[in-house]
Every structure is written in structure tokens, then in C-alpha cells.
Protein backbone atom coordinates (compact mmCIF):
# COMPACT_ATOMS: atom_id res chain seq x y z
CA MET A 1 110.97 123.28 -133.66
CA SER A 2 109.29 122.46 -136.97
CA VAL A 3 109.24 118.98 -138.40
CA GLY A 4 111.92 118.69 -141.04
CA ALA A 5 113.43 116.03 -143.25
CA GLY A 6 114.36 112.94 -141.32
CA PHE A 7 112.10 113.76 -138.37
CA ALA A 8 108.78 111.98 -137.76
CA ASP A 9 105.77 114.06 -136.74
CA LEU A 10 104.98 112.84 -133.23
CA THR A 11 102.02 115.17 -132.73
CA PRO A 12 99.37 112.48 -133.52
CA LEU A 13 100.98 110.15 -130.96
CA ALA A 14 100.87 112.88 -128.33
CA ARG A 15 97.19 113.51 -129.09
CA GLN A 16 96.40 109.80 -128.86
CA LYS A 17 98.04 109.65 -125.44
CA GLU A 18 95.82 112.47 -124.21
CA GLN A 19 92.76 110.98 -125.86
CA LYS A 20 93.28 107.71 -123.99
CA ALA A 21 93.56 109.66 -120.74
CA TRP A 22 90.42 111.64 -121.63
CA TYR A 23 88.34 108.44 -122.03
CA TRP A 24 88.84 107.65 -118.37
CA TYR A 25 86.59 110.46 -117.20
CA ASP A 26 83.64 108.91 -119.04
CA TRP A 27 84.56 105.68 -117.25
CA ALA A 28 84.76 107.55 -113.92
CA ASN A 29 81.52 109.58 -113.89
CA SER A 30 79.28 106.92 -115.45
CA ALA A 31 79.32 105.00 -112.16
CA TYR A 32 77.51 107.93 -110.53
CA PHE A 33 74.79 107.94 -113.19
CA THR A 34 74.22 104.17 -113.30
CA THR A 35 74.59 103.05 -109.68
CA ILE A 36 73.25 106.16 -107.92
CA LEU A 37 70.93 108.17 -110.18
CA THR A 38 69.46 105.42 -112.35
CA VAL A 39 69.10 102.48 -109.96
CA LEU A 40 69.61 102.93 -106.23
CA PHE A 41 68.99 106.48 -105.04
CA GLY A 42 65.27 106.74 -105.91
CA PRO A 43 64.03 103.60 -104.12
CA TYR A 44 66.29 104.19 -101.12
CA MET A 45 65.16 107.81 -100.73
CA ILE A 46 61.55 106.60 -100.74
CA ALA A 47 62.30 104.18 -97.89
CA VAL A 48 64.14 106.81 -95.81
CA SER A 49 61.58 109.56 -96.38
CA LYS A 50 58.74 107.20 -95.47
CA ALA A 51 60.52 106.49 -92.19
CA ALA A 52 60.60 110.26 -91.56
CA ALA A 53 56.96 110.84 -92.49
CA PRO A 54 54.30 111.04 -89.74
CA ASP A 55 52.20 107.93 -89.25
CA CYS A 56 49.66 107.67 -92.02
CA ALA A 57 46.36 105.95 -91.34
CA GLY A 58 43.20 105.64 -93.36
CA GLN A 59 42.40 104.74 -96.94
CA GLY A 60 44.08 106.99 -99.50
CA CYS A 61 46.43 108.56 -96.96
CA VAL A 62 49.76 109.61 -98.51
CA GLU A 63 52.92 109.70 -96.41
CA LYS A 64 54.53 113.14 -96.67
CA VAL A 65 57.62 114.89 -95.39
CA ASP A 66 57.97 118.60 -94.72
CA VAL A 67 60.30 120.30 -97.21
CA LEU A 68 60.68 124.04 -96.55
CA GLY A 69 57.14 124.15 -95.21
CA VAL A 70 55.63 122.15 -98.09
CA GLY A 71 54.35 118.61 -97.66
CA ILE A 72 55.97 116.37 -100.32
CA ALA A 73 54.87 112.77 -100.84
CA ALA A 74 57.62 110.40 -99.77
CA GLY A 75 57.28 108.50 -103.03
CA SER A 76 57.93 111.66 -105.06
CA LEU A 77 60.68 113.32 -103.04
CA GLY A 78 63.62 111.70 -104.82
CA GLY A 79 62.27 112.58 -108.25
CA PHE A 80 61.60 116.18 -107.23
CA LEU A 81 65.14 116.53 -105.88
CA VAL A 82 66.74 115.23 -109.07
CA THR A 83 64.50 117.48 -111.17
CA ALA A 84 65.33 120.52 -109.00
CA SER A 85 69.05 119.85 -109.32
CA THR A 86 68.87 119.57 -113.13
CA LEU A 87 66.92 122.83 -113.38
CA ILE A 88 69.37 124.65 -111.09
CA GLY A 89 72.21 123.18 -113.10
CA ALA A 90 70.71 124.45 -116.35
CA ILE A 91 70.92 127.98 -114.92
CA VAL A 92 74.41 127.60 -113.45
CA LEU A 93 76.13 125.75 -116.29
CA PRO A 94 76.39 128.63 -118.83
CA LEU A 95 78.27 130.79 -116.32
CA VAL A 96 80.50 127.83 -115.47
CA GLY A 97 81.20 127.40 -119.19
CA ALA A 98 82.24 131.04 -119.50
CA VAL A 99 84.63 130.66 -116.56
CA ILE A 100 86.12 127.53 -118.15
CA ASP A 101 86.67 129.32 -121.47
CA ARG A 102 88.69 132.04 -119.70
CA SER A 103 90.84 129.45 -117.95
CA SER A 104 93.98 127.75 -119.21
CA ARG A 105 93.39 124.79 -116.86
CA LYS A 106 90.27 122.98 -118.04
CA ARG A 107 91.46 119.71 -116.53
CA VAL A 108 91.63 121.37 -113.10
CA HIS A 109 88.04 122.60 -113.45
CA MET A 110 86.92 119.14 -114.54
CA ALA A 111 88.65 117.39 -111.66
CA GLY A 112 87.71 120.01 -109.07
CA TYR A 113 84.02 119.76 -109.85
CA ALA A 114 84.29 115.96 -110.00
CA TRP A 115 86.01 115.55 -106.65
CA THR A 116 83.66 117.97 -104.92
CA GLY A 117 80.66 116.21 -106.47
CA ALA A 118 82.03 112.83 -105.42
CA LEU A 119 82.47 114.12 -101.87
CA PHE A 120 78.81 115.09 -101.72
CA ALA A 121 77.79 111.79 -103.32
CA SER A 122 79.81 109.86 -100.73
CA SER A 123 77.74 111.48 -97.96
CA LEU A 124 74.79 109.36 -99.16
CA PHE A 125 76.39 106.61 -97.08
CA PHE A 126 75.28 108.50 -93.97
CA MET A 127 71.63 108.72 -95.08
CA THR A 128 70.24 106.26 -92.53
CA GLY A 129 67.06 105.94 -90.51
CA ASP A 130 64.89 108.99 -91.22
CA ARG A 131 67.71 111.37 -92.22
CA TRP A 132 66.46 112.14 -95.71
CA GLN A 133 67.92 115.68 -95.49
CA ILE A 134 71.44 114.30 -95.92
CA GLY A 135 70.37 112.62 -99.14
CA ALA A 136 68.60 115.75 -100.36
CA VAL A 137 71.70 117.93 -100.03
CA ALA A 138 73.97 115.20 -101.41
CA ILE A 139 71.97 114.47 -104.56
CA VAL A 140 71.25 118.10 -105.45
CA ALA A 141 74.87 119.21 -105.01
CA SER A 142 76.46 116.17 -106.68
CA ASN A 143 74.08 116.31 -109.66
CA ILE A 144 74.86 119.98 -110.28
CA LEU A 145 78.60 119.39 -109.92
CA VAL A 146 78.72 116.40 -112.27
CA GLY A 147 77.12 118.63 -114.91
CA CYS A 148 79.78 121.29 -114.31
CA SER A 149 82.55 118.72 -114.65
CA LEU A 150 81.09 117.46 -117.93
CA VAL A 151 81.13 120.97 -119.40
CA ALA A 152 84.90 121.13 -118.83
CA TYR A 153 85.37 117.54 -119.98
CA ASN A 154 83.49 118.04 -123.24
CA ALA A 155 85.32 121.32 -123.91
CA ILE A 156 88.63 119.45 -123.72
CA LEU A 157 87.56 117.30 -126.70
CA ASN A 158 88.30 120.15 -129.11
CA ASP A 159 91.79 120.57 -127.63
CA ILE A 160 92.88 116.95 -127.99
CA ALA A 161 91.26 115.86 -131.27
CA THR A 162 91.28 117.26 -134.79
CA GLU A 163 88.03 117.65 -136.69
CA ASP A 164 88.62 114.30 -138.41
CA GLU A 165 89.25 112.53 -135.08
CA ARG A 166 86.28 113.81 -133.10
CA ASP A 167 83.76 111.06 -134.00
CA ARG A 168 86.21 108.29 -133.10
CA VAL A 169 87.34 109.94 -129.87
CA SER A 170 83.84 110.88 -128.68
CA SER A 171 82.51 107.40 -129.49
CA ARG A 172 85.28 105.68 -127.59
CA GLY A 173 84.72 107.97 -124.63
CA TRP A 174 81.02 107.10 -124.52
CA ALA A 175 81.87 103.41 -124.94
CA TRP A 176 84.26 103.51 -121.99
CA GLY A 177 81.57 105.20 -119.96
CA TYR A 178 79.00 102.51 -120.66
CA LEU A 179 81.55 99.80 -119.89
CA GLY A 180 82.78 101.32 -116.63
CA GLY A 181 79.34 102.21 -115.35
CA GLY A 182 78.05 98.77 -116.30
CA LEU A 183 80.86 96.86 -114.60
CA LEU A 184 80.43 98.63 -111.27
CA LEU A 185 76.66 98.27 -111.52
CA VAL A 186 77.02 94.48 -111.92
CA ILE A 187 79.13 94.35 -108.76
CA ASN A 188 76.79 96.60 -106.80
CA LEU A 189 73.60 94.83 -107.85
CA GLY A 190 75.20 91.53 -106.90
CA MET A 191 76.02 92.97 -103.48
CA VAL A 192 72.53 94.43 -102.93
CA LEU A 193 70.64 91.36 -104.15
CA GLY A 194 72.93 89.00 -102.22
CA HIS A 195 73.19 91.09 -99.05
CA ASP A 196 72.00 88.25 -96.80
CA ALA A 197 74.74 85.92 -97.99
CA LEU A 198 77.29 88.68 -97.38
CA GLY A 199 76.02 89.29 -93.85
CA MET A 200 74.67 92.78 -94.58
CA THR A 201 71.32 94.42 -94.24
CA GLU A 202 69.81 95.57 -97.51
CA GLY A 203 70.04 99.23 -96.45
CA PHE A 204 73.74 98.93 -95.63
CA ALA A 205 74.40 97.21 -98.97
CA VAL A 206 72.66 100.04 -100.83
CA ARG A 207 74.58 102.71 -98.94
CA LEU A 208 77.87 100.88 -99.54
CA ALA A 209 77.07 100.59 -103.25
CA MET A 210 76.41 104.33 -103.53
CA LEU A 211 79.64 105.03 -101.64
CA SER A 212 81.55 102.79 -104.05
CA ALA A 213 80.20 104.80 -107.01
CA ALA A 214 81.42 108.05 -105.41
CA VAL A 215 84.86 106.58 -104.70
CA TRP A 216 85.04 105.15 -108.25
CA TRP A 217 84.17 108.58 -109.68
CA ALA A 218 86.81 110.37 -107.60
CA ALA A 219 89.56 107.76 -108.01
CA PHE A 220 89.45 107.36 -111.79
CA THR A 221 89.30 111.14 -112.27
CA PHE A 222 92.98 111.21 -111.26
CA ILE A 223 93.95 109.59 -114.57
CA PRO A 224 92.78 112.40 -116.89
CA PHE A 225 93.75 115.02 -114.31
CA LEU A 226 97.37 113.84 -114.28
CA ARG A 227 97.75 113.01 -117.97
CA LEU A 228 95.92 115.82 -119.77
CA LYS A 229 97.82 119.01 -120.58
CA ASP A 230 96.96 122.63 -119.85
CA ARG A 231 96.47 124.93 -122.83
CA PRO A 232 96.11 128.72 -122.93
CA ALA A 233 92.63 130.15 -123.39
CA GLN A 234 91.87 131.33 -126.92
CA HIS A 235 89.86 134.26 -128.32
CA VAL A 236 88.88 135.51 -124.87
CA VAL A 237 86.39 138.39 -124.95
CA GLU A 238 87.89 141.43 -123.26
CA VAL A 239 85.52 142.61 -120.52
CA ALA A 240 86.57 145.61 -118.47
CA GLY A 241 86.68 145.52 -114.68
CA GLY A 242 85.71 142.98 -112.06
CA GLY A 243 87.00 139.58 -111.05
CA LEU A 244 86.93 136.29 -112.92
CA VAL A 245 83.23 135.60 -112.33
CA ARG A 246 82.15 139.10 -113.36
CA ARG A 247 84.32 139.02 -116.48
CA SER A 248 83.06 135.53 -117.30
CA PHE A 249 79.47 136.73 -116.99
CA GLY A 250 80.27 139.57 -119.38
CA GLN A 251 81.80 137.10 -121.83
CA LEU A 252 78.69 134.92 -121.59
CA VAL A 253 76.47 137.88 -122.44
CA GLU A 254 78.59 138.67 -125.48
CA THR A 255 78.57 135.05 -126.61
CA LEU A 256 74.78 134.82 -126.34
CA LYS A 257 74.50 137.94 -128.48
CA GLU A 258 76.74 136.36 -131.10
CA THR A 259 74.85 133.06 -131.35
CA ARG A 260 72.60 134.47 -134.08
CA ARG A 261 75.67 134.43 -136.31
CA TYR A 262 75.64 130.62 -136.13
CA PRO A 263 72.14 129.54 -137.27
CA MET A 264 73.21 125.95 -138.00
CA THR A 265 74.58 125.58 -134.49
CA LEU A 266 71.33 126.86 -132.99
CA THR A 267 69.23 124.62 -135.27
CA PHE A 268 71.21 121.59 -134.15
CA LEU A 269 70.78 122.56 -130.50
CA LEU A 270 67.01 122.80 -131.02
CA ALA A 271 66.97 119.42 -132.74
CA TYR A 272 69.03 117.96 -129.88
CA LEU A 273 66.58 119.39 -127.35
CA PHE A 274 63.77 117.30 -128.84
CA TYR A 275 65.45 114.03 -129.68
CA ASN A 276 67.55 113.91 -126.50
CA ASP A 277 64.36 114.43 -124.49
CA GLY A 278 62.95 111.39 -126.25
CA ILE A 279 66.08 109.35 -125.50
CA GLN A 280 66.09 110.30 -121.81
CA THR A 281 62.39 109.51 -121.49
CA VAL A 282 62.82 106.03 -123.01
CA ILE A 283 65.71 105.36 -120.64
CA GLY A 284 63.84 106.69 -117.62
CA THR A 285 60.51 104.96 -118.26
CA ALA A 286 61.55 101.60 -119.74
CA ALA A 287 61.47 99.88 -116.33
CA VAL A 288 58.02 101.33 -115.55
CA TYR A 289 56.74 100.17 -118.94
CA GLY A 290 58.21 96.71 -118.49
CA GLU A 291 56.81 96.26 -114.98
CA GLU A 292 53.42 97.96 -115.19
CA GLU A 293 52.39 97.40 -118.81
CA LEU A 294 54.16 94.14 -119.69
CA GLY A 295 54.06 92.53 -116.23
CA LEU A 296 57.73 91.56 -116.15
CA GLU A 297 59.56 90.56 -112.97
CA THR A 298 62.12 92.76 -111.21
CA GLU A 299 64.92 90.33 -112.08
CA VAL A 300 64.14 90.72 -115.79
CA LEU A 301 64.20 94.50 -115.51
CA ILE A 302 67.56 94.45 -113.73
CA ALA A 303 68.99 92.15 -116.40
CA THR A 304 67.62 94.52 -119.04
CA ILE A 305 69.33 97.55 -117.49
CA LEU A 306 72.66 95.71 -117.58
CA LEU A 307 72.04 94.46 -121.13
CA VAL A 308 71.37 97.98 -122.41
CA GLN A 309 74.53 99.25 -120.70
CA PHE A 310 76.83 96.72 -122.36
CA VAL A 311 75.13 96.79 -125.77
CA ALA A 312 75.45 100.60 -125.74
CA PHE A 313 79.21 100.08 -125.40
CA ALA A 314 79.20 98.20 -128.70
CA GLY A 315 76.74 100.66 -130.25
CA ALA A 316 78.97 103.64 -129.55
CA LEU A 317 81.97 101.94 -131.16
CA LEU A 318 79.92 100.74 -134.14
CA PHE A 319 78.45 104.17 -134.90
CA GLY A 320 81.87 105.77 -134.47
CA LYS A 321 83.32 103.39 -137.04
CA LEU A 322 80.46 103.94 -139.49
CA ALA A 323 80.80 107.72 -139.11
CA GLU A 324 84.30 107.51 -140.59
CA LYS A 325 82.72 106.62 -143.94
CA ARG A 326 79.26 108.18 -143.72
CA GLY A 327 79.73 111.22 -141.49
CA SER A 328 78.31 111.86 -138.04
CA VAL A 329 75.26 113.91 -139.01
CA THR A 330 74.07 111.20 -141.44
CA LEU A 331 74.45 108.53 -138.77
CA ILE A 332 72.56 110.63 -136.22
CA ARG A 333 69.67 111.04 -138.69
CA TRP A 334 69.52 107.30 -139.32
CA GLY A 335 69.77 106.77 -135.57
CA LEU A 336 66.64 108.87 -135.03
CA VAL A 337 64.79 106.78 -137.61
CA LEU A 338 65.83 103.68 -135.65
CA TRP A 339 64.65 105.32 -132.41
CA MET A 340 61.20 105.75 -133.96
CA VAL A 341 61.22 102.07 -134.96
CA VAL A 342 62.18 101.16 -131.39
CA VAL A 343 59.32 103.03 -129.72
CA ILE A 344 56.79 101.71 -132.23
CA ALA A 345 58.08 98.19 -131.56
CA GLY A 346 57.63 98.87 -127.84
CA PHE A 347 53.99 99.73 -128.50
CA VAL A 348 53.26 96.26 -129.94
CA LEU A 349 55.31 94.18 -127.48
CA PRO A 350 53.28 91.22 -126.13
CA LYS A 351 52.50 91.21 -122.43
CA GLY A 352 54.57 88.90 -120.22
CA GLN A 353 57.04 87.89 -122.97
CA VAL A 354 60.66 88.27 -121.86
CA VAL A 355 62.52 87.57 -125.11
CA PRO A 356 60.87 90.33 -127.22
CA PHE A 357 61.53 92.81 -124.39
CA LEU A 358 65.21 91.84 -124.27
CA LEU A 359 65.49 92.13 -128.06
CA LEU A 360 64.02 95.61 -127.80
CA ALA A 361 66.61 96.40 -125.13
CA VAL A 362 69.36 95.37 -127.57
CA GLY A 363 67.94 97.81 -130.11
CA ILE A 364 67.80 100.60 -127.52
CA GLY A 365 71.39 99.97 -126.46
CA LEU A 366 72.77 100.02 -130.01
CA VAL A 367 71.05 103.21 -131.08
CA MET A 368 71.47 104.97 -127.72
CA GLY A 369 75.23 104.55 -127.64
CA GLY A 370 75.63 105.72 -131.21
CA THR A 371 73.39 108.78 -131.24
CA GLN A 372 74.69 110.16 -127.94
CA ALA A 373 78.36 109.75 -128.88
CA LEU A 374 78.03 111.27 -132.36
CA SER A 375 75.85 114.14 -131.15
CA ARG A 376 78.71 115.31 -128.96
CA SER A 377 81.33 115.03 -131.70
CA PHE A 378 79.18 116.70 -134.36
CA PHE A 379 78.30 119.58 -132.05
CA SER A 380 82.00 120.11 -131.32
CA LEU A 381 82.45 120.99 -135.02
CA LEU A 382 79.83 123.75 -134.77
CA ILE A 383 81.51 125.63 -131.89
CA PRO A 384 83.62 128.77 -132.52
CA ARG A 385 87.18 128.30 -131.21
CA GLY A 386 87.60 129.52 -127.67
CA ARG A 387 83.89 129.15 -126.85
CA GLU A 388 83.87 125.41 -126.14
CA GLY A 389 82.93 125.78 -122.48
CA GLU A 390 80.02 128.12 -123.11
CA TYR A 391 78.56 126.16 -126.01
CA PHE A 392 78.99 122.81 -124.29
CA SER A 393 77.34 124.34 -121.22
CA LEU A 394 74.30 125.15 -123.38
CA TYR A 395 74.47 121.59 -124.76
CA GLN A 396 74.65 120.17 -121.25
CA ALA A 397 71.89 122.48 -120.01
CA LEU A 398 69.57 121.32 -122.78
CA GLU A 399 70.44 117.70 -122.07
CA ARG A 400 69.68 118.00 -118.36
CA GLY A 401 67.36 120.96 -117.90
CA THR A 402 64.70 120.04 -120.48
CA SER A 403 64.63 116.27 -120.03
CA TRP A 404 61.42 116.49 -117.98
CA PHE A 405 59.12 117.35 -120.90
CA GLY A 406 59.15 113.87 -122.43
CA SER A 407 58.32 112.32 -119.06
CA LEU A 408 55.47 114.81 -118.69
CA VAL A 409 54.01 113.72 -122.04
CA PHE A 410 54.56 110.05 -121.17
CA TYR A 411 52.68 110.21 -117.87
CA LEU A 412 50.04 112.62 -119.18
CA MET A 413 49.16 110.11 -121.91
CA PHE A 414 48.84 107.44 -119.23
CA GLN A 415 46.61 109.77 -117.21
CA LEU A 416 44.34 110.26 -120.22
CA THR A 417 44.28 106.69 -121.54
CA GLY A 418 45.00 104.46 -118.55
CA SER A 419 47.63 102.58 -120.60
CA TYR A 420 51.35 103.00 -121.05
CA ARG A 421 51.23 101.84 -124.69
CA PRO A 422 49.96 105.18 -126.07
CA SER A 423 52.51 106.85 -123.79
CA ILE A 424 55.46 105.05 -125.36
CA VAL A 425 54.33 105.60 -128.94
CA ALA A 426 53.77 109.32 -128.25
CA LEU A 427 57.54 109.65 -127.97
CA VAL A 428 57.77 109.24 -131.74
CA VAL A 429 56.90 112.95 -131.88
CA PHE A 430 60.13 113.91 -130.11
CA PHE A 431 62.29 111.88 -132.47
CA GLY A 432 60.30 113.08 -135.47
CA LEU A 433 60.73 116.74 -134.55
CA GLY A 434 64.40 116.19 -133.87
CA LEU A 435 64.84 114.53 -137.28
CA PHE A 436 62.90 117.29 -139.04
CA LEU A 437 65.15 119.97 -137.56
CA LEU A 438 68.32 117.94 -138.12
CA LEU A 439 67.48 117.62 -141.81
CA ARG A 440 67.55 121.42 -141.93
CA VAL A 441 71.12 121.53 -140.61
CA ASP A 442 73.64 122.21 -143.40
CA ALA A 443 76.66 120.59 -141.77
CA GLU A 444 79.32 122.07 -144.05
CA ARG A 445 77.88 125.57 -143.71
CA GLY A 446 77.69 125.27 -139.92
CA ILE A 447 81.30 124.10 -139.62
CA ARG A 448 82.53 126.93 -141.85
CA GLU A 449 80.47 129.54 -140.00
CA ALA A 450 82.09 128.42 -136.74
CA GLY A 451 85.53 128.89 -138.32
CA ASN A 452 86.49 125.21 -138.14
CA THR A 453 88.14 122.95 -140.70
CA LEU A 454 85.85 120.61 -142.64
CA PRO A 455 86.54 116.93 -141.86
CA VAL A 456 87.24 114.64 -144.81
CA VAL A 457 83.79 113.12 -144.23
CA VAL A 458 81.05 115.31 -142.77
């Protein structure tokens, strides 16, 4: 029934209801990234794999475990597993995106991947003694599955928000994610650091914390699963013969052939590849820089992780509000300038001084929340209708599958110079290249080429 005289248009209210439900998946999955991937899994895997390694005697001896016939240093195993899972995910995600685009039940895909990933993540609780193999399977599977769930989740954004609403909705989603992940991390760090007072061993506290993140992820996924609506697939490429997977693979091939018709979309993806790599490297190496180069205590580094998490909540909301007047692409460009200021400031930080390091963390949190949230919403405007899953799978694959290059440059610079200061300032190159490419993106042209409506403010 069309809206006529005397009838209010309730469509915006219906969209807002779904948007509020959609935010909860950012809240749900962020616990996995903060508690498990960022803080607890790596150190705990080192402890378990060392327990499994043969006795190591003699100067310079490195404890190793046998992985498929290859000796891997216990101290590196966790990092190798996470890297392997992101690379496998980068290969799998595009096919998953094609399957999602052919489906009328994106929310079911999102929740199915999430619950299966959470089930694997919960098995980390059983990684005790020298049973590192349980952790290896759990982290690889859960990390691939969380990426698959995010492809479906991001694709839903275009279904529940108009072009003019995307910046606000994406920013609030990111903000909810930072808040939810931060709150559970506070609880879990309190439990791990105060395990003696709670009558637990440290290992049990860590395992319980990782289990809580898996349960949190699974439980809060029910909210968007139950409240989001199914919508029919649009503009599906007709591929003759075969089942869903075969037809989805055929659609993916056709989509990849068509990408050359969207040069602005591809230019943005290339820009995102560089500047997101810089962002992920700053996040991943900040604790190493603070401990090894600045000589800060573990307690300070933990406080800094929490500070960044909660400031990023405010940063995402702030950038989303500013984008309403300035446009998302302009805010992303200014955000990259601020990222360059941040890494240069990190280069000149005085050794052993806590306050300047915490101020730098505030800067990281503000710009991190804003650039990540607006990157997602701006990219959503450059996607042809009906191809959200495939394009967001490429977006997700770039975010996860190429995030090792910045770390390689960071540690290579340390290898060559013996100092982490040149390593941190070298990251300016990633933000500079990202900004250079982003300046070449004609936003209005890209949105029109994708067949989307121009927002009031681009």
C-alpha cells in the first residue's frame, strides 16, 4: 500500500529498528578480537606450546614443536597460526561473498558463521597442559569464520540504510563494537590479573576469559539474527548448471570480470589496502614499541589497550557526526593525515614517560575509530546493487589477508637499525600511499558508476 494523504511514512522507523539490531553484531564479535586475538591467545599459546616442546638445553637453544613435520619455535606458533588463518580466509571469503549474494537470508549466513566460529573459539577452554593442537584448530577455524560472518554483516548495511544514512549507521556499529569489546576486556583482565584473589590459577583464568568471549559472541548474535529481516537477492547473475556453490563460483568469476567497469571502486580498495595495513600494524605493534623501545611497564600497556578501545568508541561517533556535514571521503583523507601525525609523534616520544604515551593512545583511538567506520560506509556507496557480499568479501580479504606487510616492514626496519623508532616512522609510507590514492578517487563518479544514489553530502 502506498503512503497517501493522512498516513505517515513509517519506513524510516522500520529501518531504524533494524539498524539498532544490526549494531549488536559489532558488539558481539568485538569480544573475540579484543579478549582472544589481541590480548590473551598469543601469550597463552606460547606457554602451552613450550610445555609441549622437547627439553631445550644449551645457550641459544630454541624450544620448538612439530607442526606437520616442521619444527616451529614455540614463541612464534601463535603468530603463524593467526597469519595462516587470515591468508586462508582471504582465499575463501570471495566465494563466501558470492554465496551470500545469491541468498535471500543474509542474517542466517551471518549468524551461522558466527555460532560455528564461537563454537570453535569456545574449545580454547580445553587447551591445557601441552595440548597446543586444540588451540591451533580453534584459532584457525574461528578466525576464518569470523571473517565470513563479517562479509554477511557488512553486506546487510546496504539493505537497512539509505545512502544518506550509511555514515551514521556504520559509525554507530563500530562504536558499539569498541564499547562491547572493551567492557568484556575490562572484566577479563580483572579476572586474569586478580586470579589469586579469586582462587584460580592464572591458566584457568585465561581459559575462562577466552570462553567468556566465545559465549559473548554467540549470545549477542541472537539479537540481530532475530530482529533483522530477510530480503530477496537482487541482480543475481544467471549461471547454468550445478549447485549453489558452483553457481556462486560462476557469479564470482563474472563479477571479477566486471570490476574494471568500476575504476573508482578499485582505486579505493587499493588505497584501503595500504592505509589499513598501516592501521593494523600500529595496533599490533604499539605494545611492543611501548615495552621494548620506551621501557613501559605491563600495567601501563594494559591500561593503554583499554584507553584506546574506549576512546575509539568516541572517535567513531565523532567522525560519523562530522561526516554528515563534510562527507565520509573528506573525513577519511583528514584521518590519514592525522595518522601520519600520530606515527611521527610516536617517533619522538621520550623513553619511560607514561603521560605522553597515553596522550598518543588517545590520538590513536580517535582516528582509528573514525577512519575504520567511515571506510566501511564509503565503500558501501561504491558497490553495485546485488554484489554487496562479493565486494565486501574483497574488502574483508584486503583487511585481513594483506595486514602482514606493514608488520614485515616494521620488524625489518628493526632488524636493520636495531631500534623501533625508525620502524614506527616507516609506517608513514603506508598512510601516505593510501592518501595519495584516495585523493585520486572521484567519489561522485564512483557512486554513479555503481548505480547508487548520491548522498546529500559526499
